Amino acid sequence: MPQSLGSTLPLTLLLVIGLVFFLRAASKDRTTVVEIRSSKPPLEVLPALAEWLQGRGWVAEEANPERRLLKFSGQVEASGSLALLLSLLGGVGAACLGLVLCQLLPSLAWWPLLLTLLGPLAGVVYRRRAARAETVELRLISHDEATGSALQMRAHRDELIALEQEMGPQLGLFGVGDLMHSPI
């Protein structure tokens, strides 16, 4: 085996491993629990948040006054453009692996190039793993007319960021801001 092929195979295998870890990260559940505070009373904050969530496609599932809990559910869809990109990357990576195998094992002729047909499988795997039912929970922690209201919110990280951007100024929300600057 020539030296260049001996070093190309491990690099190509690293490419495949990288794609697998990218697939796992792209479809990972990023549900987070944060505490949100507002200077406004809960009777103003909770209906506005419920209306905003319903406007974004969330369906009210449970309202439990004893537990001070509002629960919403919804179906999260996978990104079509990311699925296409992952299929393309999977195809290119599989083609690279096929080319390396053709060079390492000439007796196989062109058969390793058929690995390219596995490329779209990456997009299919992503679409299946990323599309799932999710919930958003709002729990009233404290309410005081003098200090406002405090809520605990359990939701997907992207939903919390959208909440801060769209409803933060209107409701005087604070306590979510660290999500905008976190690396994850």
C-alpha atoms as a PDB file:
ATOM      1  CA  MET A   1       0.000   0.000   0.000  1.00  0.00           C
ATOM      2  CA  PRO A   2       1.514   3.346  -1.013  1.00  0.00           C
ATOM      3  CA  GLN A   3       2.184   5.851   1.776  1.00  0.00           C
ATOM      4  CA  SER A   4      -0.277   8.426   0.389  1.00  0.00           C
ATOM      5  CA  LEU A   5      -3.153   5.943   0.387  1.00  0.00           C
ATOM      6  CA  GLY A   6      -2.274   4.792   3.879  1.00  0.00           C
ATOM      7  CA  SER A   7      -2.722   8.342   5.108  1.00  0.00           C
ATOM      8  CA  THR A   8      -5.784   9.058   2.945  1.00  0.00           C
ATOM      9  CA  LEU A   9      -7.880   6.206   4.344  1.00  0.00           C
ATOM     10  CA  PRO A  10      -7.723   7.381   7.984  1.00  0.00           C
ATOM     11  CA  LEU A  11      -8.549  10.937   6.905  1.00  0.00           C
ATOM     12  CA  THR A  12     -11.531   9.716   4.898  1.00  0.00           C
ATOM     13  CA  LEU A  13     -12.716   7.644   7.850  1.00  0.00           C
ATOM     14  CA  LEU A  14     -12.432  10.773  10.012  1.00  0.00           C
ATOM     15  CA  LEU A  15     -14.671  12.529   7.486  1.00  0.00           C
ATOM     16  CA  VAL A  16     -17.282   9.796   7.927  1.00  0.00           C
ATOM     17  CA  ILE A  17     -17.019   9.994  11.725  1.00  0.00           C
ATOM     18  CA  GLY A  18     -17.392  13.785  11.546  1.00  0.00           C
ATOM     19  CA  LEU A  19     -20.567  13.426   9.502  1.00  0.00           C
ATOM     20  CA  VAL A  20     -22.029  10.990  12.039  1.00  0.00           C
ATOM     21  CA  PHE A  21     -21.319  13.393  14.915  1.00  0.00           C
ATOM     22  CA  PHE A  22     -22.734  16.311  12.902  1.00  0.00           C
ATOM     23  CA  LEU A  23     -25.920  14.305  12.340  1.00  0.00           C
ATOM     24  CA  ARG A  24     -26.189  13.623  16.067  1.00  0.00           C
ATOM     25  CA  ALA A  25     -25.633  17.279  16.957  1.00  0.00           C
ATOM     26  CA  ALA A  26     -28.092  18.570  14.342  1.00  0.00           C
ATOM     27  CA  SER A  27     -30.926  16.454  15.719  1.00  0.00           C
ATOM     28  CA  LYS A  28     -30.059  16.797  19.414  1.00  0.00           C
ATOM     29  CA  ASP A  29     -32.779  17.894  21.826  1.00  0.00           C
ATOM     30  CA  ARG A  30     -31.899  21.371  23.110  1.00  0.00           C
ATOM     31  CA  THR A  31     -34.636  21.796  25.704  1.00  0.00           C
ATOM     32  CA  THR A  32     -33.628  24.289  28.372  1.00  0.00           C
ATOM     33  CA  VAL A  33     -35.161  25.545  31.612  1.00  0.00           C
ATOM     34  CA  VAL A  34     -34.753  29.250  32.373  1.00  0.00           C
ATOM     35  CA  GLU A  35     -36.178  31.693  34.861  1.00  0.00           C
ATOM     36  CA  ILE A  36     -37.763  34.752  33.309  1.00  0.00           C
ATOM     37  CA  ARG A  37     -38.676  37.871  35.231  1.00  0.00           C
ATOM     38  CA  SER A  38     -40.914  40.744  34.271  1.00  0.00           C
ATOM     39  CA  SER A  39     -41.801  43.974  35.989  1.00  0.00           C
ATOM     40  CA  LYS A  40     -45.414  43.500  34.836  1.00  0.00           C
ATOM     41  CA  PRO A  41     -48.039  41.498  36.745  1.00  0.00           C
ATOM     42  CA  PRO A  42     -48.702  37.864  35.816  1.00  0.00           C
ATOM     43  CA  LEU A  43     -52.222  38.666  34.592  1.00  0.00           C
ATOM     44  CA  GLU A  44     -50.592  40.728  31.853  1.00  0.00           C
ATOM     45  CA  VAL A  45     -47.559  38.516  31.139  1.00  0.00           C
ATOM     46  CA  LEU A  46     -49.144  35.043  31.007  1.00  0.00           C
ATOM     47  CA  PRO A  47     -51.953  35.835  28.520  1.00  0.00           C
ATOM     48  CA  ALA A  48     -49.496  37.678  26.263  1.00  0.00           C
ATOM     49  CA  LEU A  49     -47.078  34.733  26.312  1.00  0.00           C
ATOM     50  CA  ALA A  50     -49.904  32.235  25.703  1.00  0.00           C
ATOM     51  CA  GLU A  51     -51.165  34.288  22.747  1.00  0.00           C
ATOM     52  CA  TRP A  52     -47.634  34.606  21.332  1.00  0.00           C
ATOM     53  CA  LEU A  53     -47.048  30.834  21.610  1.00  0.00           C
ATOM     54  CA  GLN A  54     -50.383  30.033  19.961  1.00  0.00           C
ATOM     55  CA  GLY A  55     -49.539  32.463  17.177  1.00  0.00           C
ATOM     56  CA  ARG A  56     -46.353  30.469  16.575  1.00  0.00           C
ATOM     57  CA  GLY A  57     -48.306  27.214  16.197  1.00  0.00           C
ATOM     58  CA  TRP A  58     -48.173  25.838  19.737  1.00  0.00           C
ATOM     59  CA  VAL A  59     -51.395  24.239  20.997  1.00  0.00           C
ATOM     60  CA  ALA A  60     -52.541  24.752  24.593  1.00  0.00           C
ATOM     61  CA  GLU A  61     -52.460  21.329  26.198  1.00  0.00           C
ATOM     62  CA  GLU A  62     -52.847  21.917  29.931  1.00  0.00           C
ATOM     63  CA  ALA A  63     -53.718  24.774  32.254  1.00  0.00           C
ATOM     64  CA  ASN A  64     -53.340  23.819  35.904  1.00  0.00           C
ATOM     65  CA  PRO A  65     -54.026  26.722  38.291  1.00  0.00           C
ATOM     66  CA  GLU A  66     -53.111  24.660  41.386  1.00  0.00           C
ATOM     67  CA  ARG A  67     -49.617  23.988  40.042  1.00  0.00           C
ATOM     68  CA  ARG A  68     -49.467  27.421  38.332  1.00  0.00           C
ATOM     69  CA  LEU A  69     -48.640  25.675  35.053  1.00  0.00           C
ATOM     70  CA  LEU A  70     -49.409  26.303  31.396  1.00  0.00           C
ATOM     71  CA  LYS A  71     -48.334  23.601  28.966  1.00  0.00           C
ATOM     72  CA  PHE A  72     -48.227  23.824  25.178  1.00  0.00           C
ATOM     73  CA  SER A  73     -47.365  21.154  22.626  1.00  0.00           C
ATOM     74  CA  GLY A  74     -46.370  21.195  19.001  1.00  0.00           C
ATOM     75  CA  GLN A  75     -44.689  19.252  16.242  1.00  0.00           C
ATOM     76  CA  VAL A  76     -41.222  20.473  15.289  1.00  0.00           C
ATOM     77  CA  GLU A  77     -40.218  19.840  11.689  1.00  0.00           C
ATOM     78  CA  ALA A  78     -36.738  19.212  10.339  1.00  0.00           C
ATOM     79  CA  SER A  79     -35.063  21.807   8.138  1.00  0.00           C
ATOM     80  CA  GLY A  80     -35.333  20.825   4.470  1.00  0.00           C
ATOM     81  CA  SER A  81     -32.225  22.780   3.484  1.00  0.00           C
ATOM     82  CA  LEU A  82     -30.152  21.161   6.237  1.00  0.00           C
ATOM     83  CA  ALA A  83     -31.393  17.716   5.170  1.00  0.00           C
ATOM     84  CA  LEU A  84     -30.336  18.509   1.598  1.00  0.00           C
ATOM     85  CA  LEU A  85     -26.914  19.722   2.763  1.00  0.00           C
ATOM     86  CA  LEU A  86     -26.398  16.603   4.879  1.00  0.00           C
ATOM     87  CA  SER A  87     -27.394  14.394   1.923  1.00  0.00           C
ATOM     88  CA  LEU A  88     -24.886  16.208  -0.267  1.00  0.00           C
ATOM     89  CA  LEU A  89     -22.143  15.932   2.350  1.00  0.00           C
ATOM     90  CA  GLY A  90     -22.968  12.262   2.876  1.00  0.00           C
ATOM     91  CA  GLY A  91     -22.772  11.600  -0.864  1.00  0.00           C
ATOM     92  CA  VAL A  92     -19.440  13.393  -1.240  1.00  0.00           C
ATOM     93  CA  GLY A  93     -18.012  11.654   1.824  1.00  0.00           C
ATOM     94  CA  ALA A  94     -19.192   8.241   0.637  1.00  0.00           C
ATOM     95  CA  ALA A  95     -17.745   8.924  -2.832  1.00  0.00           C
ATOM     96  CA  CYS A  96     -14.401   9.833  -1.251  1.00  0.00           C
ATOM     97  CA  LEU A  97     -14.414   6.647   0.787  1.00  0.00           C
ATOM     98  CA  GLY A  98     -15.310   4.674  -2.352  1.00  0.00           C
ATOM     99  CA  LEU A  99     -12.423   6.236  -4.292  1.00  0.00           C
ATOM    100  CA  VAL A 100      -9.959   5.435  -1.532  1.00  0.00           C
ATOM    101  CA  LEU A 101     -11.208   1.840  -1.353  1.00  0.00           C
ATOM    102  CA  CYS A 102     -10.889   1.542  -5.165  1.00  0.00           C
ATOM    103  CA  GLN A 103      -7.253   2.555  -4.867  1.00  0.00           C
ATOM    104  CA  LEU A 104      -6.517   0.336  -1.878  1.00  0.00           C
ATOM    105  CA  LEU A 105      -8.323  -2.740  -3.180  1.00  0.00           C
ATOM    106  CA  PRO A 106      -8.114  -2.708  -7.000  1.00  0.00           C
ATOM    107  CA  SER A 107      -9.651  -6.183  -7.120  1.00  0.00           C
ATOM    108  CA  LEU A 108     -13.005  -4.620  -6.182  1.00  0.00           C
ATOM    109  CA  ALA A 109     -12.976  -2.583  -9.423  1.00  0.00           C
ATOM    110  CA  TRP A 110     -15.570   0.203  -9.309  1.00  0.00           C
ATOM    111  CA  TRP A 111     -17.933  -1.393  -6.752  1.00  0.00           C
ATOM    112  CA  PRO A 112     -16.856   0.798  -3.806  1.00  0.00           C
ATOM    113  CA  LEU A 113     -18.156   3.829  -5.711  1.00  0.00           C
ATOM    114  CA  LEU A 114     -21.665   2.517  -5.070  1.00  0.00           C
ATOM    115  CA  LEU A 115     -21.189   3.810  -1.519  1.00  0.00           C
ATOM    116  CA  THR A 116     -22.152   7.188  -2.995  1.00  0.00           C
ATOM    117  CA  LEU A 117     -25.736   5.957  -3.128  1.00  0.00           C
ATOM    118  CA  LEU A 118     -25.745   5.936   0.687  1.00  0.00           C
ATOM    119  CA  GLY A 119     -25.306   9.742   0.759  1.00  0.00           C
ATOM    120  CA  PRO A 120     -29.025  10.634   0.842  1.00  0.00           C
ATOM    121  CA  LEU A 121     -29.355   8.355   3.860  1.00  0.00           C
ATOM    122  CA  ALA A 122     -27.770  11.121   5.975  1.00  0.00           C
ATOM    123  CA  GLY A 123     -30.623  13.504   5.112  1.00  0.00           C
ATOM    124  CA  VAL A 124     -33.233  10.842   5.806  1.00  0.00           C
ATOM    125  CA  VAL A 125     -31.709  10.031   9.203  1.00  0.00           C
ATOM    126  CA  TYR A 126     -31.633  13.735  10.087  1.00  0.00           C
ATOM    127  CA  ARG A 127     -35.263  14.290   9.039  1.00  0.00           C
ATOM    128  CA  ARG A 128     -36.465  11.346  11.119  1.00  0.00           C
ATOM    129  CA  ARG A 129     -34.515  12.316  14.223  1.00  0.00           C
ATOM    130  CA  ALA A 130     -35.161  16.072  14.093  1.00  0.00           C
ATOM    131  CA  ALA A 131     -38.936  15.913  13.497  1.00  0.00           C
ATOM    132  CA  ARG A 132     -40.509  15.321  16.888  1.00  0.00           C
ATOM    133  CA  ALA A 133     -43.201  16.443  19.297  1.00  0.00           C
ATOM    134  CA  GLU A 134     -42.050  19.075  21.774  1.00  0.00           C
ATOM    135  CA  THR A 135     -43.581  20.917  24.676  1.00  0.00           C
ATOM    136  CA  VAL A 136     -43.314  24.375  26.191  1.00  0.00           C
ATOM    137  CA  GLU A 137     -44.071  24.756  29.895  1.00  0.00           C
ATOM    138  CA  LEU A 138     -44.677  28.034  31.717  1.00  0.00           C
ATOM    139  CA  ARG A 139     -44.747  27.883  35.508  1.00  0.00           C
ATOM    140  CA  LEU A 140     -45.487  30.923  37.638  1.00  0.00           C
ATOM    141  CA  ILE A 141     -42.895  30.980  40.412  1.00  0.00           C
ATOM    142  CA  SER A 142     -43.835  34.172  42.202  1.00  0.00           C
ATOM    143  CA  HIS A 143     -46.055  37.133  41.686  1.00  0.00           C
ATOM    144  CA  ASP A 144     -45.833  40.352  43.589  1.00  0.00           C
ATOM    145  CA  GLU A 145     -47.418  43.585  42.496  1.00  0.00           C
ATOM    146  CA  ALA A 146     -44.360  45.519  43.672  1.00  0.00           C
ATOM    147  CA  THR A 147     -41.687  43.380  41.975  1.00  0.00           C
ATOM    148  CA  GLY A 148     -43.662  41.914  39.076  1.00  0.00           C
ATOM    149  CA  SER A 149     -43.661  38.252  38.163  1.00  0.00           C
ATOM    150  CA  ALA A 150     -41.192  35.425  37.869  1.00  0.00           C
ATOM    151  CA  LEU A 151     -41.734  32.491  35.532  1.00  0.00           C
ATOM    152  CA  GLN A 152     -39.898  29.277  34.941  1.00  0.00           C
ATOM    153  CA  MET A 153     -40.002  28.321  31.270  1.00  0.00           C
ATOM    154  CA  ARG A 154     -39.022  24.966  29.827  1.00  0.00           C
ATOM    155  CA  ALA A 155     -38.684  25.077  26.053  1.00  0.00           C
ATOM    156  CA  HIS A 156     -36.370  24.545  23.122  1.00  0.00           C
ATOM    157  CA  ARG A 157     -33.452  26.947  23.142  1.00  0.00           C
ATOM    158  CA  ASP A 158     -34.462  28.505  19.801  1.00  0.00           C
ATOM    159  CA  GLU A 159     -37.955  29.192  21.130  1.00  0.00           C
ATOM    160  CA  LEU A 160     -36.515  30.965  24.170  1.00  0.00           C
ATOM    161  CA  ILE A 161     -34.302  33.133  21.958  1.00  0.00           C
ATOM    162  CA  ALA A 162     -37.300  34.035  19.758  1.00  0.00           C
ATOM    163  CA  LEU A 163     -39.278  34.859  22.901  1.00  0.00           C
ATOM    164  CA  GLU A 164     -36.589  37.227  24.103  1.00  0.00           C
ATOM    165  CA  GLN A 165     -36.299  38.974  20.741  1.00  0.00           C
ATOM    166  CA  GLU A 166     -40.010  39.331  20.014  1.00  0.00           C
ATOM    167  CA  MET A 167     -41.672  39.637  23.420  1.00  0.00           C
ATOM    168  CA  GLY A 168     -38.814  40.816  25.655  1.00  0.00           C
ATOM    169  CA  PRO A 169     -39.190  44.553  25.021  1.00  0.00           C
ATOM    170  CA  GLN A 170     -43.003  44.449  25.023  1.00  0.00           C
ATOM    171  CA  LEU A 171     -43.284  42.634  28.363  1.00  0.00           C
ATOM    172  CA  GLY A 172     -40.095  43.904  29.979  1.00  0.00           C
ATOM    173  CA  LEU A 173     -38.658  40.379  30.204  1.00  0.00           C
ATOM    174  CA  PHE A 174     -35.193  39.784  31.547  1.00  0.00           C
ATOM    175  CA  GLY A 175     -33.252  36.710  32.555  1.00  0.00           C
ATOM    176  CA  VAL A 176     -33.203  35.012  29.156  1.00  0.00           C
ATOM    177  CA  GLY A 177     -30.368  37.091  27.682  1.00  0.00           C
ATOM    178  CA  ASP A 178     -27.575  34.660  28.470  1.00  0.00           C
ATOM    179  CA  LEU A 179     -28.947  32.255  25.840  1.00  0.00           C
ATOM    180  CA  MET A 180     -28.181  34.721  23.059  1.00  0.00           C
ATOM    181  CA  HIS A 181     -24.506  34.699  23.927  1.00  0.00           C
ATOM    182  CA  SER A 182     -23.955  31.061  24.857  1.00  0.00           C
ATOM    183  CA  PRO A 183     -21.848  28.977  22.460  1.00  0.00           C
ATOM    184  CA  ILE A 184     -24.261  26.015  22.301  1.00  0.00           C
END
